[in-house]
Amino acid sequence: IEGKRARRFVDLSTVGSHMAVRIHDLLAKRNIVQLDSPVSGGVGGAEKGTLAVMVSGPRIDFEAVKSALDVIGRVFFIGEKPGSAQTMKLANNLLSATAIVATSEAVVMGVKSGLDPNVMIDVINAGSGMNTASRDKFPRSILPRTFDFGFATGLMVKDVRLCLEEAKALGLSMEVAEAVGRLWEVVIREMGPESDFTSAIKPIEKAAGVMVGEAKGGHAAK
C-alpha cells in the first residue's frame, strides 16, 4: 500500500479474527486504520439495505464512517479490539449453519414417519422450535425445492471452519459446533461449493430415503 490518501480500510469480508488482526497490524505500519466490518443477511439483505453490519475498530473512526454503513443495513459497534467483529460474525453464522442442518434433520425425520413437511414447518414456526431456517429458508427455498436462497455452500463451510479454528485457538471444546461442521463437510462433498446452502437437506434426505417438499408432502425416494 503506497501513498498517503488512504486513511481508513473498511473490510466487509468474513476472514476470521486472526486474519483481521494480521491485516490490522500490516495497515497500522502505514498509518491506516482498519475497520473490520463483516456483514450478515445474504443477498436479499444487501439488496434491501437490511444487513447486520458488525464493526470493530477505533470508536472515533467508526463514527466517521457510520453514516455510509447505515446505507447497507443496521450497524453494530462490537468493540475496539481488532478482530472482535469477526468473532461476532462467526458466532452468528455458526447458529445459522446449525439451524439449517438441525431443522433439516427434524423435518426429514417427520417425513420419514409420514408427516406433511408443510404442516411441520407451520407448527415449528408457531412453537418454540422456530428459527431462521424454518422461518425463511424452508418456505422460500427448501419446500418448493428451488434451492435458490442466495448463499453458497462453500461460503457457509468456510465460515464454520473459521469458527471451529477460532474455538480451538481459544482452547474451547464445542461439541455441537464440531458435529455441525462434520455435517457441512458432507454437504460440500456431495453438493459442491457452488450449490446453494439450502441444499444441505439433500444428503440428509438421501440417507433417510425420503424427499421433502413436494406438493403433497414428502415421499419415499425411489
Foldseek 3Di string as FASTA:
>chain_A
DDDDPAAEAEDQDQDAQVVQVVVQVVVVVVNHWYWDWHWDDFPVLQVVLAIEIETEADPVVCVVCVVVNSSNHHYDYQYHDGRRSSLVVLVVLLVVLLLLLVVLLVLLVCVLVPDFSVVVLVVCCVDDNDDCCSVPVCVPDQLQPNQPPHAWLLVSLVSLVSNVVVCVVVVHDDPSSVVSNVLSVVCCVVPNRRGRNSCSSVVVCVVSQKGARDPRGIDGHD
